[in-house]
Amino acid sequence: MNPKETLPYFQSLQPQMLTELLRWVEMESPTTDKRSIDRLGEVLATTLSEIGMRVEVDSQPVRGNHLIASWTGGKQPKILMIGHLDTVWGLDTLETMPVRVEGDIAYGPGIFDMKGGILIAVAALRLLDEQKLHQCNITLLLTSDEEEGSTSSRTLIEREAKDAQCVFILEPAGPDNSLKTKRRGTGDYKIKVHGKSAHAGVEPAKGVNAIQELAHQVLEIQSWNQLREGIGAHVGIVHGGTRANVIPAEAEAVVDVRCDTMEDQEWLNHRFAGIISKDPLARIEITGGFERPPMVRTEQVLSLYREAAEIASAFDYPVREFWTGGGSDGNFTAALGVPTLDGMGPEGEGAHAVHEQIAISSLPKRANLLYHLIRRKI
C-alpha cells in the first residue's frame, strides 16, 4: 500500500489516538518522580504487550525504569525508535496548566515533548501488527531521564543503537513539518574560584576577591564565541560572596557549551583545560563538560531524510530539514555512526512552555510517515 492509501486508516483513528494521548498527558511524569514515571511506563508496557511486543523493564534505583519493547523475528538489522517518558513539568502542573482541546489544538504538559511522539510510534506499530508484519526486527526504547541529560539511560541507548540499521527519534517536529538532521553537542562547565575573605573596610588588601577573578574569566570565556564559528560558550549562572562588606572568598559560574562537530567539542575542552587564574593567589576549580556529542548532518542522515521527504510528498505532506542547537538522545546514536532521523513527533509548539501544544491533525500524518519509513526497512 502506498502512503496515500494508508493515510485514511490513520485519520480514521484520530479520535482514538487523541483520547489515548490525553490520558497519558494527564499522567504527570516529571523526571524527578520515579513513581509517576513507572506508573506511566506500566500503562505503556501493557499497550505494547497487547500488540505482541516483548517488553523488558530496565529497573532503575533512583530514576524511572526504562522500557525496551521489541519484535525480533526479522532477518534485517533492527530498526530502533527512541522516546522518553519524562517531562520537565512537576507534579500538580495540571492544576494551573490543564489538558484542553480547542479546535485542532490540544494543550497539556508534555503533550508536545514528547508523549505525542510516543503515540505516533504506537500507532505505526499497531498497523504493522494488524497487517501481521510483526515478524520483523523493531525495538521501541522508552527512557525516563532524557530531560536531565539521559544519565541513567545513555549506556542502554548506545547498546540498543550499535547494531541498528537506523534510528528514529520521536522528539517533536520542527517548524513547518520539519525533520531534524543536525543537533549541536551540549553540556555545562562549572567554574569555581577560591579566594580569601577579608574585611572590605579594614584590611581589603589581605583578601583575594573571588568575584573579581571570576569576572575576568567570564569575559574571557564569552570572547571565545568570536574565535570559532562552530561553538557556543555562554555564562548563564553566577554566584558569589556573602556580605557587601566582606571580600568574597568564593564565586562560581555555570557555562552552557554547544558545538557543531567533535573537533569543535575538543577545541572547547582544550580551552577550559587551559584556564589560568589572573590573580596568582586565586585558585580555579573546573568541573563538568559535554553531556551529548553533536549529531552531525552526515550523508547517511541525509539519505534517511530524503527517504522521508519522498514518502511525505507521496501523500501531499511536504516536509523539510531543520537544524537545532538543542540536544536529544539522537546525539548519542548519530555519534555511533548509525543513520538517525530526529523530530518524528507531532507538529506543535511550546516545548517546556506554558502554552505547550500539538496540532491534532498532524498525528495521523506523522504516524503514516513513520509507518512507511519502517516498511521500507523491513
Protein backbone atom coordinates (compact mmCIF):
# COMPACT_ATOMS: atom_id res chain seq x y z
CA MET A 1 0.00 0.00 0.00
CA ASN A 2 1.25 3.45 -0.88
CA PRO A 3 1.21 6.38 1.58
CA LYS A 4 -1.98 7.86 0.11
CA GLU A 5 -3.82 4.58 0.70
CA THR A 6 -2.80 4.23 4.34
CA LEU A 7 -3.39 7.84 5.39
CA PRO A 8 -7.22 7.39 5.68
CA TYR A 9 -6.62 4.48 8.07
CA PHE A 10 -4.66 6.67 10.46
CA GLN A 11 -7.10 9.57 10.02
CA SER A 12 -9.99 7.29 10.99
CA LEU A 13 -8.15 6.57 14.23
CA GLN A 14 -7.53 10.24 15.07
CA PRO A 15 -10.26 10.49 17.78
CA GLN A 16 -8.99 7.30 19.43
CA MET A 17 -5.39 8.49 19.18
CA LEU A 18 -6.26 11.79 20.82
CA THR A 19 -8.17 10.13 23.66
CA GLU A 20 -5.23 7.85 24.39
CA LEU A 21 -2.72 10.70 24.24
CA LEU A 22 -4.71 12.92 26.59
CA ARG A 23 -4.89 10.07 29.08
CA TRP A 24 -1.09 9.81 29.04
CA VAL A 25 -0.67 13.57 29.39
CA GLU A 26 -2.90 13.52 32.46
CA MET A 27 -0.48 11.01 33.97
CA GLU A 28 2.15 13.54 35.01
CA SER A 29 5.69 12.15 34.77
CA PRO A 30 8.42 14.57 35.86
CA THR A 31 11.97 13.27 35.57
CA THR A 32 12.43 13.57 39.32
CA ASP A 33 9.42 11.46 40.33
CA LYS A 34 10.19 7.77 39.82
CA ARG A 35 6.78 6.55 41.00
CA SER A 36 4.92 8.67 38.43
CA ILE A 37 7.18 7.65 35.54
CA ASP A 38 6.93 3.98 36.45
CA ARG A 39 3.14 4.26 36.56
CA LEU A 40 3.09 5.65 33.02
CA GLY A 41 5.60 3.01 31.97
CA GLU A 42 3.32 0.25 33.23
CA VAL A 43 0.46 1.59 31.10
CA LEU A 44 2.65 1.73 28.01
CA ALA A 45 4.10 -1.71 28.69
CA THR A 46 0.56 -3.11 28.68
CA THR A 47 -0.26 -1.25 25.45
CA LEU A 48 2.82 -2.59 23.70
CA SER A 49 2.31 -6.13 25.00
CA GLU A 50 -1.19 -6.10 23.51
CA ILE A 51 0.30 -5.79 20.01
CA GLY A 52 2.62 -8.69 20.63
CA MET A 53 5.80 -6.88 21.58
CA ARG A 54 8.14 -8.35 24.15
CA VAL A 55 8.59 -5.72 26.85
CA GLU A 56 11.62 -5.67 29.12
CA VAL A 57 11.90 -3.35 32.10
CA ASP A 58 15.33 -1.90 32.79
CA SER A 59 14.90 -1.19 36.50
CA GLN A 60 16.49 1.92 37.98
CA PRO A 61 17.05 2.61 41.68
CA VAL A 62 16.56 6.39 41.53
CA ARG A 63 15.23 7.41 38.12
CA GLY A 64 12.19 5.88 36.49
CA ASN A 65 12.51 2.49 34.82
CA HIS A 66 13.33 2.28 31.12
CA LEU A 67 11.25 0.14 28.73
CA ILE A 68 12.59 -1.92 25.81
CA ALA A 69 9.75 -3.21 23.60
CA SER A 70 10.66 -5.36 20.62
CA TRP A 71 9.74 -7.67 17.81
CA THR A 72 12.72 -9.82 16.89
CA GLY A 73 11.56 -12.02 14.03
CA GLY A 74 13.18 -10.25 11.12
CA LYS A 75 16.36 -11.03 9.19
CA GLN A 76 17.25 -7.40 8.54
CA PRO A 77 19.19 -5.33 11.12
CA LYS A 78 16.80 -3.82 13.58
CA ILE A 79 15.02 -0.50 13.38
CA LEU A 80 15.29 1.45 16.62
CA MET A 81 12.83 4.10 17.78
CA ILE A 82 13.60 6.15 20.87
CA GLY A 83 11.31 8.24 23.05
CA HIS A 84 11.24 9.39 26.65
CA LEU A 85 8.62 9.05 29.34
CA ASP A 86 9.74 12.01 31.44
CA THR A 87 8.72 15.64 31.13
CA VAL A 88 10.08 18.89 32.56
CA TRP A 89 6.81 19.58 34.38
CA GLY A 90 6.49 18.95 38.11
CA LEU A 91 3.64 17.16 39.83
CA ASP A 92 0.39 19.12 40.05
CA THR A 93 1.20 21.22 36.97
CA LEU A 94 -2.22 20.16 35.66
CA GLU A 95 -3.83 22.37 38.29
CA THR A 96 -2.57 25.50 36.51
CA MET A 97 -1.99 24.05 33.04
CA PRO A 98 -4.92 21.68 32.42
CA VAL A 99 -5.34 19.46 29.41
CA ARG A 100 -7.73 21.03 26.93
CA VAL A 101 -8.73 20.87 23.28
CA GLU A 102 -9.58 23.91 21.19
CA GLY A 103 -10.35 23.07 17.59
CA ASP A 104 -7.31 21.36 16.06
CA ILE A 105 -5.07 22.24 19.01
CA ALA A 106 -4.57 20.12 22.12
CA TYR A 107 -2.77 21.57 25.12
CA GLY A 108 -1.09 19.97 28.11
CA PRO A 109 2.22 19.46 29.91
CA GLY A 110 4.36 17.03 27.94
CA ILE A 111 1.92 16.64 25.05
CA PHE A 112 4.44 18.00 22.54
CA ASP A 113 7.64 16.99 24.30
CA MET A 114 7.13 14.15 23.91
CA LYS A 115 4.14 11.98 24.65
CA GLY A 116 2.75 12.83 21.23
CA GLY A 117 5.81 11.22 19.66
CA ILE A 118 5.31 8.02 21.65
CA LEU A 119 1.69 7.89 20.47
CA ILE A 120 2.81 8.20 16.83
CA ALA A 121 5.16 5.23 17.25
CA VAL A 122 2.45 3.14 18.88
CA ALA A 123 0.02 3.96 16.04
CA ALA A 124 2.55 2.90 13.38
CA LEU A 125 3.29 -0.32 15.26
CA ARG A 126 -0.42 -1.12 15.57
CA LEU A 127 -0.89 -1.07 11.80
CA LEU A 128 2.14 -3.31 11.36
CA ASP A 129 0.57 -5.70 13.85
CA GLU A 130 -2.82 -5.62 12.11
CA GLN A 131 -1.08 -6.44 8.84
CA LYS A 132 0.74 -9.35 10.52
CA LEU A 133 4.05 -7.67 9.76
CA HIS A 134 5.48 -8.05 13.25
CA GLN A 135 7.84 -10.77 12.03
CA CYS A 136 10.45 -8.06 11.74
CA ASN A 137 13.22 -6.60 13.86
CA ILE A 138 11.99 -3.45 15.59
CA THR A 139 12.76 -2.00 19.01
CA LEU A 140 11.00 0.87 20.76
CA LEU A 141 13.11 2.22 23.62
CA LEU A 142 11.37 4.49 26.12
CA THR A 143 13.68 6.11 28.66
CA SER A 144 12.98 8.02 31.84
CA ASP A 145 15.59 10.78 32.14
CA GLU A 146 16.14 12.48 28.79
CA GLU A 147 15.13 15.86 30.15
CA GLU A 148 18.02 15.76 32.62
CA GLY A 149 20.79 14.51 30.34
CA SER A 150 20.00 10.77 29.96
CA THR A 151 22.46 9.96 32.73
CA SER A 152 20.99 6.56 33.57
CA SER A 153 19.91 5.68 30.04
CA ARG A 154 22.89 6.60 27.84
CA THR A 155 24.56 3.19 28.11
CA LEU A 156 21.26 1.50 27.25
CA ILE A 157 20.67 3.82 24.29
CA GLU A 158 24.12 3.14 22.89
CA ARG A 159 23.76 -0.60 23.45
CA GLU A 160 20.49 -0.75 21.55
CA ALA A 161 21.75 1.52 18.75
CA LYS A 162 25.06 -0.15 17.97
CA ASP A 163 23.52 -2.94 15.87
CA ALA A 164 20.64 -0.90 14.38
CA GLN A 165 20.34 -0.11 10.69
CA CYS A 166 18.70 3.23 11.51
CA VAL A 167 17.22 5.19 14.39
CA PHE A 168 14.05 7.29 14.50
CA ILE A 169 13.88 9.80 17.37
CA LEU A 170 10.34 10.59 18.49
CA GLU A 171 11.07 14.16 19.58
CA PRO A 172 8.64 16.85 18.33
CA ALA A 173 8.69 18.02 14.73
CA GLY A 174 10.48 21.24 13.93
CA PRO A 175 8.77 24.27 12.34
CA ASP A 176 6.83 23.74 9.09
CA ASN A 177 6.56 19.94 9.38
CA SER A 178 10.34 19.65 9.54
CA LEU A 179 12.57 16.74 10.48
CA LYS A 180 15.80 17.28 12.38
CA THR A 181 19.03 16.29 10.67
CA LYS A 182 21.52 18.15 12.86
CA ARG A 183 21.83 18.94 16.54
CA ARG A 184 24.62 20.63 18.43
CA GLY A 185 26.57 18.84 21.13
CA THR A 186 25.58 20.14 24.57
CA GLY A 187 26.96 20.37 28.09
CA ASP A 188 27.80 22.54 31.09
CA TYR A 189 31.03 23.59 32.69
CA LYS A 190 31.24 24.99 36.22
CA ILE A 191 34.00 27.46 37.04
CA LYS A 192 34.59 27.82 40.79
CA VAL A 193 37.05 30.40 42.15
CA HIS A 194 38.58 30.04 45.61
CA GLY A 195 39.91 33.32 47.02
CA LYS A 196 40.33 34.61 50.57
CA SER A 197 37.94 36.60 52.70
CA ALA A 198 38.85 39.83 54.49
CA HIS A 199 37.10 42.88 55.92
CA ALA A 200 36.31 45.16 52.98
CA GLY A 201 36.70 48.30 55.08
CA VAL A 202 39.55 47.47 57.47
CA GLU A 203 42.02 45.29 55.54
CA PRO A 204 40.81 44.59 51.98
CA ALA A 205 44.36 44.04 50.75
CA LYS A 206 44.57 40.88 52.83
CA GLY A 207 41.75 39.33 50.82
CA VAL A 208 41.68 37.65 47.42
CA ASN A 209 38.50 38.70 45.62
CA ALA A 210 36.94 35.59 44.04
CA ILE A 211 34.28 37.63 42.23
CA GLN A 212 36.90 39.83 40.59
CA GLU A 213 38.79 36.77 39.38
CA LEU A 214 35.58 35.18 38.14
CA ALA A 215 34.67 38.37 36.26
CA HIS A 216 37.94 38.14 34.32
CA GLN A 217 37.20 34.51 33.45
CA VAL A 218 33.62 35.25 32.38
CA LEU A 219 34.79 37.90 29.93
CA GLU A 220 37.47 35.57 28.60
CA ILE A 221 35.03 32.69 28.08
CA GLN A 222 32.46 34.91 26.37
CA SER A 223 35.17 36.11 23.96
CA TRP A 224 35.64 32.57 22.64
CA ASN A 225 32.37 32.89 20.72
CA GLN A 226 34.10 35.29 18.31
CA LEU A 227 37.05 32.93 17.76
CA ARG A 228 35.31 29.87 16.30
CA GLU A 229 32.05 29.65 14.37
CA GLY A 230 31.01 26.14 15.40
CA ILE A 231 30.96 26.68 19.16
CA GLY A 232 28.85 28.35 21.82
CA ALA A 233 30.01 29.19 25.35
CA HIS A 234 27.61 31.30 27.38
CA VAL A 235 27.72 32.05 31.09
CA GLY A 236 24.18 31.64 32.39
CA ILE A 237 24.52 31.47 36.18
CA VAL A 238 26.83 33.37 38.54
CA HIS A 239 27.03 33.15 42.33
CA GLY A 240 29.46 34.70 44.77
CA GLY A 241 30.05 36.50 48.03
CA THR A 242 28.33 36.52 51.39
CA ARG A 243 28.05 40.16 52.52
CA ALA A 244 28.76 43.53 50.93
CA ASN A 245 31.47 44.35 53.48
CA VAL A 246 33.39 41.07 53.04
CA ILE A 247 35.95 40.41 50.30
CA PRO A 248 34.39 37.31 48.71
CA ALA A 249 36.28 34.06 49.17
CA GLU A 250 34.11 32.00 46.80
CA ALA A 251 32.44 32.60 43.44
CA GLU A 252 31.24 30.33 40.68
CA ALA A 253 29.71 30.41 37.23
CA VAL A 254 27.93 27.83 35.09
CA VAL A 255 28.71 27.91 31.38
CA ASP A 256 26.41 26.39 28.76
CA VAL A 257 28.52 24.90 25.95
CA ARG A 258 27.48 23.88 22.42
CA CYS A 259 29.38 22.52 19.43
CA ASP A 260 28.71 21.57 15.81
CA THR A 261 31.40 18.89 15.42
CA MET A 262 33.63 16.69 17.53
CA GLU A 263 36.53 18.95 16.53
CA ASP A 264 34.62 21.91 17.98
CA GLN A 265 34.00 19.93 21.16
CA GLU A 266 37.70 19.16 21.52
CA TRP A 267 38.55 22.82 20.90
CA LEU A 268 36.30 23.89 23.76
CA ASN A 269 37.53 21.14 26.07
CA HIS A 270 41.10 22.30 25.43
CA ARG A 271 40.15 25.91 26.19
CA PHE A 272 38.59 25.02 29.53
CA ALA A 273 41.55 22.80 30.43
CA GLY A 274 43.87 25.74 29.77
CA ILE A 275 42.17 28.29 32.04
CA ILE A 276 44.67 30.01 34.35
CA SER A 277 43.82 32.48 37.10
CA LYS A 278 44.69 36.12 36.52
CA ASP A 279 45.45 36.53 40.21
CA PRO A 280 48.12 34.02 41.23
CA LEU A 281 46.63 33.90 44.74
CA ALA A 282 43.25 32.73 43.43
CA ARG A 283 42.62 29.04 42.74
CA ILE A 284 40.28 27.92 39.97
CA GLU A 285 38.40 24.62 40.00
CA ILE A 286 36.74 23.40 36.78
CA THR A 287 34.17 20.61 36.61
CA GLY A 288 31.60 19.37 34.12
CA GLY A 289 31.88 19.04 30.37
CA PHE A 290 29.88 17.86 27.38
CA GLU A 291 26.93 15.57 28.09
CA ARG A 292 25.91 14.93 24.49
CA PRO A 293 28.13 14.72 21.41
CA PRO A 294 26.97 16.58 18.29
CA MET A 295 24.53 14.98 15.89
CA VAL A 296 26.34 15.69 12.64
CA ARG A 297 24.48 16.09 9.34
CA THR A 298 26.20 13.25 7.52
CA GLU A 299 25.35 11.76 4.14
CA GLN A 300 23.77 8.79 5.97
CA VAL A 301 21.47 11.12 7.89
CA LEU A 302 20.60 13.00 4.70
CA SER A 303 19.79 9.74 2.90
CA LEU A 304 17.30 8.87 5.62
CA TYR A 305 15.80 12.35 5.43
CA ARG A 306 15.43 12.10 1.64
CA GLU A 307 13.50 8.84 2.05
CA ALA A 308 11.18 10.55 4.50
CA ALA A 309 10.69 13.53 2.18
CA GLU A 310 9.86 11.22 -0.71
CA ILE A 311 7.27 9.35 1.37
CA ALA A 312 5.75 12.57 2.68
CA SER A 313 5.41 14.06 -0.79
CA ALA A 314 3.58 10.92 -1.91
CA PHE A 315 0.64 11.85 0.33
CA ASP A 316 0.89 15.62 -0.19
CA TYR A 317 2.56 16.34 3.13
CA PRO A 318 5.78 18.23 2.33
CA VAL A 319 8.49 18.20 4.97
CA ARG A 320 11.81 19.98 5.21
CA GLU A 321 15.04 19.81 7.17
CA PHE A 322 15.62 21.62 10.43
CA TRP A 323 18.79 22.16 12.44
CA THR A 324 18.63 22.88 16.15
CA GLY A 325 21.00 23.88 18.90
CA GLY A 326 19.26 21.64 21.43
CA GLY A 327 20.27 18.06 22.15
CA SER A 328 18.35 14.78 22.23
CA ASP A 329 19.10 11.08 22.51
CA GLY A 330 19.69 11.21 18.76
CA ASN A 331 23.03 12.85 19.55
CA PHE A 332 24.20 9.59 21.11
CA THR A 333 23.05 7.32 18.29
CA ALA A 334 24.34 9.55 15.50
CA ALA A 335 27.75 9.75 17.21
CA LEU A 336 27.98 5.95 16.84
CA GLY A 337 27.66 6.35 13.07
CA VAL A 338 24.10 4.99 12.95
CA PRO A 339 21.82 6.87 10.50
CA THR A 340 19.49 8.88 12.73
CA LEU A 341 16.44 10.96 11.85
CA ASP A 342 15.07 13.17 14.60
CA GLY A 343 11.82 15.09 15.01
CA MET A 344 9.43 12.26 14.12
CA GLY A 345 6.89 13.51 16.65
CA PRO A 346 3.83 15.73 16.09
CA GLU A 347 3.63 19.28 14.84
CA GLY A 348 3.11 21.87 17.53
CA GLU A 349 4.97 24.36 19.65
CA GLY A 350 5.75 25.43 23.19
CA ALA A 351 8.07 22.67 24.39
CA HIS A 352 8.88 23.46 28.05
CA ALA A 353 6.49 26.43 27.89
CA VAL A 354 3.07 27.04 29.44
CA HIS A 355 1.40 27.07 26.00
CA GLU A 356 2.74 23.62 25.05
CA GLN A 357 0.52 22.24 22.30
CA ILE A 358 0.16 19.95 19.31
CA ALA A 359 -1.77 20.10 16.05
CA ILE A 360 -4.16 17.17 16.40
CA SER A 361 -4.46 16.67 12.64
CA SER A 362 -0.70 16.07 12.45
CA LEU A 363 -0.94 12.86 14.48
CA PRO A 364 -2.20 10.61 11.65
CA LYS A 365 0.12 12.26 9.12
CA ARG A 366 3.22 11.72 11.22
CA ALA A 367 2.15 8.16 12.05
CA ASN A 368 1.71 7.48 8.34
CA LEU A 369 5.17 8.85 7.62
CA LEU A 370 6.82 6.76 10.32
CA TYR A 371 4.92 3.63 9.28
CA HIS A 372 6.17 3.87 5.70
CA LEU A 373 9.73 4.60 6.76
CA ILE A 374 9.60 1.38 8.77
CA ARG A 375 8.02 -0.55 5.88
CA ARG A 376 10.93 0.42 3.64
CA LYS A 377 13.38 -1.11 6.10
CA ILE A 378 11.73 -4.45 6.87
